[in-house]
Amino acid sequence: MRTLRAWLLSLAAVAGFVLLSAPPAQAFPAFARRTGLRCTACHELWPVFDDTGRAFRDNGYQMRLGKDNPTENPFSYWPVAIRITPNYEYDTVNNQETDQGKKTFKNGGIADGAMDLLIGGNLNNNVSYLVVPTGYASDGVVNLESFWVYFTRVIKNSDWFNIRIGKHEVDLPVSAHRSISLINPYLIYGYHPMADNDAAGAFALDENQRGIEFMGHDRGSLTRYSVSIFNANDSPGSRGAWDSRGYYAHFQKYWQLDSYSVSEVEVGGFLSSAEYPTSFYTADGEPIDGTGTNLKSSERWGLETSATFGPKWTPFHVWAVWAQGKDDKALYGEDARDGKWNGGFLQLLWVPPTDGLHWGFFGRYDYIRNSQQPLAGTPKSLNDQDQWTIGMKHTFAFFNRDEYALHVEYSTNKMKGMAFDGSDLTVSSTFIGIDFAF
């Protein structure tokens, strides 16, 4: 029990770190410089896509006006942009064990920054690319968050078969890399039930995955599908022609309505399975990376819907996503059972019809409910989560070269039974920053 408690404390610290770390969020002014359009042409409230932005991305960063070949770019065009958010952050974590009794930790200051360097564009008609080195913080670490080449209209002039090869974000119901929220993750993308060990515990749908995506869409991207085959992230490696196989499929259907009150509705569904090894060759009793076998799956599947109220250029946009998940019992070791859970989120975004689209307000509620713990005797509700986020963004200026905005956000996540003494753990964060991309 003492070991389990220590592990729970470590997990709580990790959960707090993940919650309080800003996820990457991409907006790409280089495309605005190339097309001459302001960022509002493709974004509801940057970096969230509107219909035009979704179609532009699906078409491989092409306007389809006969000027997408690189030789048509302005001579001064450089396909590079940066994104960074200098910010103040104030964090609290309650119910922490100390020699002075149970305490709430509080600290704040100007946060250590990290930057996205966005490099992307077209190699030719119907061939596009994206490379995103990210990091550049005080630790000196730089990672390739994304790198891919995208072939569109592979079969004649049909948009129904396109291929992306490289490291990419799978086609999520709501993008984690273009989220309006900067300080907390969507819980359903990376959640796993509690146990001392989980071989698939690193798997997260919101992590970019190395693999191949097949996707297609109609004119305007109102009907879309995506299928990805990938190497599951952060696996120690398995034997065979495809290391730690992962699969993902997603479908969306949009209806644009001739109505001022409700201008668009959408429904869709998704499913994924990521396989992780549970047996290895060993050396001196230690597992050898890359030799795994007996792969078992971490699964999640769900449904989604969204609606846009009012005109699409000043929307009140609502998303609702529900999901279930299961980790195979073999991932936890002996004497375990399948870990099962359900969860979802409700997200709201409002762009008031005033002041040239400079203001935006957003909120989100995420929840997790465990339906079967992998270890018998573990309380069913352990690590049930309720996460709330509210925020606003005021963009001072939109140009076809850059944008910069004041971003204010508050989030709190209550994790049931996760404190050292079995009480609830609550992690909260306040974020105030200048978000800019150039």
Protein backbone atom coordinates (compact mmCIF):
# COMPACT_ATOMS: atom_id res chain seq x y z
CA MET A 1 0.00 0.00 0.00
CA ARG A 2 2.88 2.39 0.78
CA THR A 3 4.32 1.75 -2.71
CA LEU A 4 0.95 2.42 -4.29
CA ARG A 5 0.57 5.67 -2.33
CA ALA A 6 4.04 6.80 -3.41
CA TRP A 7 3.15 6.01 -6.99
CA LEU A 8 -0.10 7.96 -6.68
CA LEU A 9 1.84 10.97 -5.42
CA SER A 10 4.26 10.75 -8.34
CA LEU A 11 1.37 10.47 -10.76
CA ALA A 12 -0.30 13.46 -9.18
CA ALA A 13 2.84 15.51 -9.66
CA VAL A 14 3.05 14.42 -13.29
CA ALA A 15 -0.63 15.18 -13.81
CA GLY A 16 -0.07 18.65 -12.40
CA PHE A 17 2.90 19.21 -14.68
CA VAL A 18 0.93 18.12 -17.75
CA LEU A 19 -2.06 20.21 -16.76
CA LEU A 20 0.01 23.32 -16.21
CA SER A 21 2.14 23.00 -19.32
CA ALA A 22 0.90 24.78 -22.43
CA PRO A 23 0.26 22.34 -25.30
CA PRO A 24 1.49 23.29 -28.75
CA ALA A 25 -1.04 25.34 -30.70
CA GLN A 26 -0.42 26.23 -34.30
CA ALA A 27 -1.27 29.33 -36.32
CA PHE A 28 0.72 29.94 -39.47
CA PRO A 29 1.05 33.57 -40.67
CA ALA A 30 3.34 32.45 -43.51
CA PHE A 31 0.22 31.21 -45.31
CA ALA A 32 -1.41 34.60 -44.84
CA ARG A 33 1.68 36.26 -46.30
CA ARG A 34 1.58 33.92 -49.29
CA THR A 35 -2.14 34.33 -50.05
CA GLY A 36 -2.51 37.96 -49.00
CA LEU A 37 -5.44 37.02 -46.71
CA ARG A 38 -5.75 37.98 -43.08
CA CYS A 39 -5.78 35.23 -40.47
CA THR A 40 -9.52 35.78 -39.94
CA ALA A 41 -10.10 34.25 -43.37
CA CYS A 42 -9.27 30.78 -41.99
CA HIS A 43 -9.85 31.05 -38.23
CA GLU A 44 -12.88 31.63 -36.00
CA LEU A 45 -10.57 32.75 -33.21
CA TRP A 46 -7.01 31.78 -34.02
CA PRO A 47 -5.81 29.06 -33.99
CA VAL A 48 -9.29 27.42 -34.27
CA PHE A 49 -10.21 26.71 -37.91
CA ASP A 50 -13.39 27.90 -39.60
CA ASP A 51 -14.81 26.20 -42.72
CA THR A 52 -12.35 27.96 -45.03
CA GLY A 53 -9.38 26.96 -42.90
CA ARG A 54 -10.51 23.33 -42.70
CA ALA A 55 -10.85 23.14 -46.51
CA PHE A 56 -7.51 24.94 -47.05
CA ARG A 57 -5.74 22.41 -44.81
CA ASP A 58 -7.50 19.39 -46.38
CA ASN A 59 -6.58 20.65 -49.86
CA GLY A 60 -2.91 20.66 -48.92
CA TYR A 61 -2.54 24.40 -48.22
CA GLN A 62 -3.89 25.20 -51.69
CA MET A 63 -6.43 27.83 -52.73
CA ARG A 64 -7.12 25.97 -55.99
CA LEU A 65 -7.01 29.18 -58.04
CA GLY A 66 -4.21 28.10 -60.35
CA LYS A 67 -1.44 29.75 -58.30
CA ASP A 68 -0.43 27.01 -55.88
CA ASN A 69 2.81 26.00 -57.61
CA PRO A 70 5.86 27.31 -55.68
CA THR A 71 6.95 29.29 -58.75
CA GLU A 72 3.83 31.44 -58.27
CA ASN A 73 4.89 32.55 -54.78
CA PRO A 74 6.08 36.16 -54.34
CA PHE A 75 9.87 36.38 -54.68
CA SER A 76 10.16 37.64 -51.08
CA TYR A 77 8.00 34.85 -49.63
CA TRP A 78 9.67 32.75 -46.91
CA PRO A 79 7.65 29.72 -45.68
CA VAL A 80 8.61 30.11 -42.01
CA ALA A 81 6.72 31.44 -38.98
CA ILE A 82 7.20 31.47 -35.20
CA ARG A 83 4.65 31.05 -32.41
CA ILE A 84 5.36 31.82 -28.76
CA THR A 85 3.40 33.11 -25.75
CA PRO A 86 5.36 34.98 -23.04
CA ASN A 87 3.15 34.62 -19.98
CA TYR A 88 2.63 34.90 -16.25
CA GLU A 89 1.37 31.73 -14.56
CA TYR A 90 0.04 31.14 -11.03
CA ASP A 91 -0.43 27.51 -9.96
CA THR A 92 -1.94 25.81 -6.91
CA VAL A 93 -2.03 22.15 -5.81
CA ASN A 94 -3.93 21.22 -2.63
CA ASN A 95 -3.70 18.38 -0.11
CA GLN A 96 0.07 17.92 -0.25
CA GLU A 97 1.92 15.97 2.48
CA THR A 98 4.67 17.86 4.34
CA ASP A 99 6.40 17.60 7.75
CA GLN A 100 4.29 20.62 8.73
CA GLY A 101 1.04 18.87 7.89
CA LYS A 102 -1.25 18.91 4.90
CA LYS A 103 -0.62 22.01 2.79
CA THR A 104 -1.62 23.74 -0.44
CA PHE A 105 1.32 24.62 -2.67
CA LYS A 106 1.12 28.01 -4.45
CA ASN A 107 3.63 29.59 -6.77
CA GLY A 108 3.70 32.00 -9.69
CA GLY A 109 5.93 33.98 -12.00
CA ILE A 110 6.88 34.52 -15.60
CA ALA A 111 6.93 31.03 -17.06
CA ASP A 112 9.86 29.56 -18.94
CA GLY A 113 8.93 29.85 -22.61
CA ALA A 114 9.02 27.43 -25.50
CA MET A 115 8.58 28.21 -29.18
CA ASP A 116 7.15 26.56 -32.28
CA LEU A 117 9.12 27.13 -35.47
CA LEU A 118 6.65 26.46 -38.28
CA ILE A 119 8.00 25.60 -41.73
CA GLY A 120 5.49 24.61 -44.39
CA GLY A 121 4.07 25.11 -47.82
CA ASN A 122 3.89 23.44 -51.24
CA LEU A 123 6.57 21.45 -53.03
CA ASN A 124 4.44 21.34 -56.18
CA ASN A 125 0.80 21.34 -57.14
CA ASN A 126 -0.92 18.79 -54.88
CA VAL A 127 2.22 18.16 -52.80
CA SER A 128 2.60 20.00 -49.48
CA TYR A 129 4.77 19.68 -46.38
CA LEU A 130 5.05 20.75 -42.75
CA VAL A 131 8.03 20.65 -40.37
CA VAL A 132 7.65 21.94 -36.79
CA PRO A 133 10.71 22.03 -34.51
CA THR A 134 9.48 22.97 -31.04
CA GLY A 135 11.19 23.74 -27.75
CA TYR A 136 14.07 26.25 -27.67
CA ALA A 137 13.47 26.77 -23.91
CA SER A 138 16.15 27.17 -21.24
CA ASP A 139 16.79 23.42 -21.15
CA GLY A 140 18.04 23.64 -24.75
CA VAL A 141 15.88 20.72 -25.91
CA VAL A 142 14.41 20.89 -29.43
CA ASN A 143 12.09 18.20 -30.82
CA LEU A 144 10.47 17.66 -34.18
CA GLU A 145 6.83 17.89 -33.19
CA SER A 146 5.67 17.37 -36.79
CA PHE A 147 7.23 16.40 -40.10
CA TRP A 148 5.22 15.19 -43.03
CA VAL A 149 4.60 15.29 -46.78
CA TYR A 150 1.00 15.33 -48.04
CA PHE A 151 -0.05 14.14 -51.51
CA THR A 152 -3.50 15.35 -52.57
CA ARG A 153 -5.63 14.19 -55.49
CA VAL A 154 -3.56 11.04 -55.85
CA ILE A 155 -6.14 9.51 -58.21
CA LYS A 156 -6.90 11.90 -61.10
CA ASN A 157 -8.56 15.04 -59.72
CA SER A 158 -10.46 13.34 -56.92
CA ASP A 159 -10.29 14.74 -53.38
CA TRP A 160 -11.46 11.42 -51.97
CA PHE A 161 -7.98 9.87 -51.77
CA ASN A 162 -5.06 11.80 -50.28
CA ILE A 163 -1.98 10.45 -48.48
CA ARG A 164 0.08 11.99 -45.66
CA ILE A 165 3.41 10.37 -44.66
CA GLY A 166 5.41 11.32 -41.57
CA LYS A 167 4.71 12.47 -38.03
CA HIS A 168 1.26 14.07 -37.85
CA GLU A 169 -1.65 14.84 -35.58
CA VAL A 170 -4.40 12.32 -36.22
CA ASP A 171 -7.69 13.89 -37.32
CA LEU A 172 -9.25 14.43 -33.87
CA PRO A 173 -12.85 15.60 -33.27
CA VAL A 174 -11.33 18.82 -31.86
CA SER A 175 -7.65 19.45 -32.54
CA ALA A 176 -5.35 19.45 -29.53
CA HIS A 177 -2.71 21.37 -31.49
CA ARG A 178 -5.09 24.11 -32.63
CA SER A 179 -6.98 24.34 -29.35
CA ILE A 180 -8.04 27.75 -28.10
CA SER A 181 -7.02 26.60 -24.60
CA LEU A 182 -3.31 26.89 -23.80
CA ILE A 183 -2.93 25.33 -20.36
CA ASN A 184 -4.88 22.08 -20.10
CA PRO A 185 -5.34 18.96 -22.23
CA TYR A 186 -8.53 17.29 -23.43
CA LEU A 187 -8.74 14.49 -20.86
CA ILE A 188 -10.24 11.79 -23.10
CA TYR A 189 -7.30 11.85 -25.53
CA GLY A 190 -4.71 10.62 -23.03
CA TYR A 191 -6.49 9.09 -20.04
CA HIS A 192 -5.68 5.60 -18.65
CA PRO A 193 -7.16 3.88 -15.56
CA MET A 194 -5.02 3.64 -12.43
CA ALA A 195 -2.57 0.80 -11.71
CA ASP A 196 1.01 0.27 -10.53
CA ASN A 197 2.01 -0.48 -14.13
CA ASP A 198 0.41 0.06 -17.51
CA ALA A 199 2.48 -0.85 -20.57
CA ALA A 200 0.30 1.47 -22.68
CA GLY A 201 0.27 4.30 -20.15
CA ALA A 202 2.20 6.59 -22.51
CA PHE A 203 -0.35 6.39 -25.32
CA ALA A 204 -2.16 9.63 -26.07
CA LEU A 205 -4.22 10.48 -29.14
CA ASP A 206 -3.22 14.13 -28.84
CA GLU A 207 0.46 13.22 -29.34
CA ASN A 208 1.61 13.46 -32.94
CA GLN A 209 2.06 9.95 -34.31
CA ARG A 210 4.57 8.60 -36.87
CA GLY A 211 2.70 6.90 -39.65
CA ILE A 212 0.55 7.13 -42.79
CA GLU A 213 -2.80 8.86 -43.09
CA PHE A 214 -5.35 8.25 -45.84
CA MET A 215 -8.02 10.92 -46.00
CA GLY A 216 -10.68 12.22 -48.34
CA HIS A 217 -13.37 14.86 -48.54
CA ASP A 218 -15.94 16.45 -50.80
CA ARG A 219 -15.92 20.00 -52.14
CA GLY A 220 -15.69 22.36 -49.18
CA SER A 221 -14.74 19.49 -46.79
CA LEU A 222 -18.32 19.10 -45.60
CA THR A 223 -18.02 15.29 -45.67
CA ARG A 224 -14.66 13.97 -44.49
CA TYR A 225 -12.94 10.73 -43.53
CA SER A 226 -9.48 9.94 -42.21
CA VAL A 227 -7.69 6.65 -41.50
CA SER A 228 -4.21 6.58 -39.89
CA ILE A 229 -1.82 3.68 -39.36
CA PHE A 230 1.00 4.63 -37.01
CA ASN A 231 3.71 3.58 -34.57
CA ALA A 232 2.15 4.09 -31.13
CA ASN A 233 3.92 6.94 -29.36
CA ASP A 234 6.64 6.29 -26.77
CA SER A 235 6.53 2.51 -27.10
CA PRO A 236 9.71 0.61 -26.10
CA GLY A 237 9.42 -1.13 -29.48
CA SER A 238 8.23 -4.45 -30.83
CA ARG A 239 9.48 -7.00 -33.34
CA GLY A 240 8.01 -7.17 -36.81
CA ALA A 241 7.55 -5.06 -39.93
CA TRP A 242 5.46 -2.42 -38.11
CA ASP A 243 6.56 -1.44 -34.63
CA SER A 244 3.77 -1.12 -32.01
CA ARG A 245 0.90 -0.83 -34.44
CA GLY A 246 -1.74 1.83 -33.98
CA TYR A 247 -4.92 2.54 -35.91
CA TYR A 248 -7.24 5.51 -36.01
CA ALA A 249 -10.38 6.28 -38.04
CA HIS A 250 -12.57 9.38 -38.06
CA PHE A 251 -15.65 10.52 -39.98
CA GLN A 252 -17.40 13.91 -40.03
CA LYS A 253 -20.47 15.27 -41.82
CA TYR A 254 -21.35 19.00 -41.85
CA TRP A 255 -24.62 20.61 -42.90
CA GLN A 256 -24.67 24.31 -43.73
CA LEU A 257 -28.13 25.72 -43.05
CA ASP A 258 -29.92 28.68 -44.55
CA SER A 259 -30.70 30.02 -41.10
CA TYR A 260 -29.43 33.00 -39.13
CA SER A 261 -29.98 31.28 -35.78
CA VAL A 262 -28.22 27.97 -36.58
CA SER A 263 -25.83 28.25 -39.52
CA GLU A 264 -24.10 24.85 -39.34
CA VAL A 265 -24.34 21.47 -37.58
CA GLU A 266 -21.93 18.53 -37.60
CA VAL A 267 -21.89 14.91 -36.44
CA GLY A 268 -19.10 12.37 -36.46
CA GLY A 269 -17.42 9.44 -34.82
CA PHE A 270 -13.93 8.09 -34.18
CA LEU A 271 -12.14 4.97 -32.95
CA SER A 272 -8.55 4.04 -32.20
CA SER A 273 -6.46 1.10 -31.09
CA ALA A 274 -2.79 1.31 -30.11
CA GLU A 275 -0.83 -1.87 -29.39
CA TYR A 276 2.03 -2.08 -26.88
CA PRO A 277 4.32 -5.05 -26.14
CA THR A 278 4.00 -7.01 -22.91
CA SER A 279 6.92 -9.47 -23.39
CA PHE A 280 10.58 -8.87 -24.37
CA TYR A 281 13.91 -10.52 -24.89
CA THR A 282 16.10 -9.63 -21.93
CA ALA A 283 19.78 -8.99 -21.17
CA ASP A 284 20.89 -9.41 -17.54
CA GLY A 285 17.20 -9.64 -16.73
CA GLU A 286 16.35 -6.26 -18.28
CA PRO A 287 14.00 -5.89 -21.28
CA ILE A 288 15.71 -5.03 -24.57
CA ASP A 289 14.04 -2.18 -26.43
CA GLY A 290 12.77 -3.09 -29.87
CA THR A 291 12.27 -6.78 -29.06
CA GLY A 292 8.73 -6.65 -27.71
CA THR A 293 6.02 -9.13 -28.57
CA ASN A 294 2.59 -10.23 -27.29
CA LEU A 295 1.09 -6.85 -28.20
CA LYS A 296 -2.08 -5.78 -26.40
CA SER A 297 -4.28 -2.81 -27.16
CA SER A 298 -5.33 0.45 -25.57
CA GLU A 299 -8.61 1.41 -27.20
CA ARG A 300 -10.92 4.41 -27.29
CA TRP A 301 -13.91 5.30 -29.41
CA GLY A 302 -16.53 8.01 -29.38
CA LEU A 303 -19.15 10.24 -30.95
CA GLU A 304 -19.18 13.97 -31.58
CA THR A 305 -21.46 16.79 -32.59
CA SER A 306 -21.12 20.53 -33.01
CA ALA A 307 -23.33 23.46 -33.91
CA THR A 308 -22.69 27.05 -34.95
CA PHE A 309 -25.25 29.57 -33.78
CA GLY A 310 -25.50 32.91 -35.53
CA PRO A 311 -23.46 33.90 -38.61
CA LYS A 312 -20.27 31.90 -39.13
CA TRP A 313 -18.08 35.02 -39.13
CA THR A 314 -19.22 35.89 -35.58
CA PRO A 315 -20.09 32.43 -34.25
CA PHE A 316 -21.29 31.00 -31.00
CA HIS A 317 -19.78 27.55 -31.55
CA VAL A 318 -20.57 24.51 -29.38
CA TRP A 319 -18.75 21.16 -29.51
CA ALA A 320 -19.76 18.03 -27.57
CA VAL A 321 -17.63 14.85 -27.61
CA TRP A 322 -18.24 11.60 -25.72
CA ALA A 323 -15.84 8.66 -25.55
CA GLN A 324 -15.21 5.27 -23.96
CA GLY A 325 -11.86 3.58 -23.47
CA LYS A 326 -10.37 0.24 -22.48
CA ASP A 327 -6.84 -0.97 -21.72
CA ASP A 328 -6.35 -4.73 -22.06
CA LYS A 329 -5.73 -6.52 -18.77
CA ALA A 330 -2.40 -7.94 -20.01
CA LEU A 331 -0.99 -4.39 -20.16
CA TYR A 332 -1.21 -4.23 -16.35
CA GLY A 333 0.50 -7.56 -15.60
CA GLU A 334 -0.76 -10.55 -13.66
CA ASP A 335 -3.97 -10.62 -11.61
CA ALA A 336 -5.41 -7.60 -13.44
CA ARG A 337 -8.55 -7.05 -15.45
CA ASP A 338 -9.42 -4.69 -18.27
CA GLY A 339 -9.34 -1.03 -17.26
CA LYS A 340 -12.46 0.73 -18.56
CA TRP A 341 -13.66 4.33 -18.47
CA ASN A 342 -15.90 6.85 -20.17
CA GLY A 343 -15.64 10.62 -20.50
CA GLY A 344 -16.09 13.61 -22.72
CA PHE A 345 -16.07 17.36 -23.01
CA LEU A 346 -18.34 20.28 -23.83
CA GLN A 347 -16.59 23.28 -25.39
CA LEU A 348 -17.99 26.75 -26.12
CA LEU A 349 -16.50 29.55 -28.22
CA TRP A 350 -18.12 32.94 -28.80
CA VAL A 351 -16.86 35.68 -31.11
CA PRO A 352 -19.03 38.76 -30.42
CA PRO A 353 -20.32 40.66 -33.50
CA THR A 354 -18.40 43.79 -32.53
CA ASP A 355 -14.96 45.34 -32.87
CA GLY A 356 -13.82 43.57 -36.05
CA LEU A 357 -13.58 40.02 -34.61
CA HIS A 358 -10.94 41.04 -32.08
CA TRP A 359 -12.69 39.55 -29.03
CA GLY A 360 -13.32 35.90 -28.20
CA PHE A 361 -14.57 34.08 -25.10
CA PHE A 362 -14.31 30.36 -24.46
CA GLY A 363 -15.04 27.69 -21.89
CA ARG A 364 -14.80 23.93 -21.56
CA TYR A 365 -15.86 21.18 -19.18
CA ASP A 366 -14.02 17.81 -19.32
CA TYR A 367 -14.87 14.74 -17.26
CA ILE A 368 -13.62 11.19 -16.72
CA ARG A 369 -15.58 8.40 -15.02
CA ASN A 370 -14.01 5.01 -14.40
CA SER A 371 -16.30 2.04 -14.96
CA GLN A 372 -13.84 -0.77 -14.08
CA GLN A 373 -10.51 -0.41 -12.31
CA PRO A 374 -7.76 -2.81 -13.45
CA LEU A 375 -6.87 -3.81 -9.88
CA ALA A 376 -9.53 -5.48 -7.76
CA GLY A 377 -10.17 -3.65 -4.51
CA THR A 378 -9.38 -0.23 -5.98
CA PRO A 379 -12.26 2.21 -5.44
CA LYS A 380 -14.21 2.51 -8.67
CA SER A 381 -14.16 6.31 -8.52
CA LEU A 382 -10.38 6.64 -7.98
CA ASN A 383 -9.08 9.36 -10.34
CA ASP A 384 -12.50 10.34 -11.65
CA GLN A 385 -11.86 13.85 -12.94
CA ASP A 386 -13.77 17.09 -13.41
CA GLN A 387 -11.90 19.82 -15.27
CA TRP A 388 -13.18 23.36 -15.93
CA THR A 389 -11.64 26.00 -18.18
CA ILE A 390 -12.68 29.58 -18.92
CA GLY A 391 -10.83 32.25 -20.83
CA MET A 392 -10.79 35.16 -23.22
CA LYS A 393 -8.62 36.33 -26.08
CA HIS A 394 -8.34 39.87 -27.39
CA THR A 395 -6.42 40.16 -30.64
CA PHE A 396 -4.92 43.61 -30.87
CA ALA A 397 -4.25 43.43 -34.60
CA PHE A 398 -4.79 41.10 -37.56
CA PHE A 399 -2.49 41.47 -40.55
CA ASN A 400 -1.56 39.24 -43.43
CA ARG A 401 1.88 38.97 -41.82
CA ASP A 402 1.26 38.47 -38.10
CA GLU A 403 -1.17 38.68 -35.21
CA TYR A 404 -0.79 39.25 -31.48
CA ALA A 405 -3.28 38.92 -28.68
CA LEU A 406 -3.86 39.10 -24.93
CA HIS A 407 -4.75 35.61 -23.70
CA VAL A 408 -6.26 35.14 -20.22
CA GLU A 409 -7.26 31.70 -18.97
CA TYR A 410 -8.14 29.88 -15.75
CA SER A 411 -8.44 26.13 -15.30
CA THR A 412 -9.00 23.72 -12.44
CA ASN A 413 -9.02 19.92 -12.34
CA LYS A 414 -10.39 17.87 -9.42
CA MET A 415 -9.03 14.28 -9.27
CA LYS A 416 -10.96 12.05 -6.89
CA GLY A 417 -8.98 10.24 -4.19
CA MET A 418 -5.59 11.17 -5.64
CA ALA A 419 -4.05 12.97 -2.65
CA PHE A 420 -1.63 11.16 -0.31
CA ASP A 421 -4.34 10.58 2.29
CA GLY A 422 -7.05 9.49 -0.15
CA SER A 423 -8.72 12.89 -0.33
CA ASP A 424 -9.35 14.70 -3.59
CA LEU A 425 -6.50 16.45 -5.39
CA THR A 426 -7.24 19.78 -7.08
CA VAL A 427 -4.80 21.44 -9.47
CA SER A 428 -5.52 24.99 -10.66
CA SER A 429 -3.74 27.45 -12.90
CA THR A 430 -4.14 31.07 -13.95
CA PHE A 431 -2.50 32.14 -17.22
CA ILE A 432 -2.01 35.67 -18.59
CA GLY A 433 0.12 36.09 -21.69
CA ILE A 434 0.77 37.76 -25.00
CA ASP A 435 0.21 35.18 -27.70
CA PHE A 436 1.83 36.12 -30.99
CA ALA A 437 2.71 34.55 -34.30
CA PHE A 438 4.78 36.09 -37.07
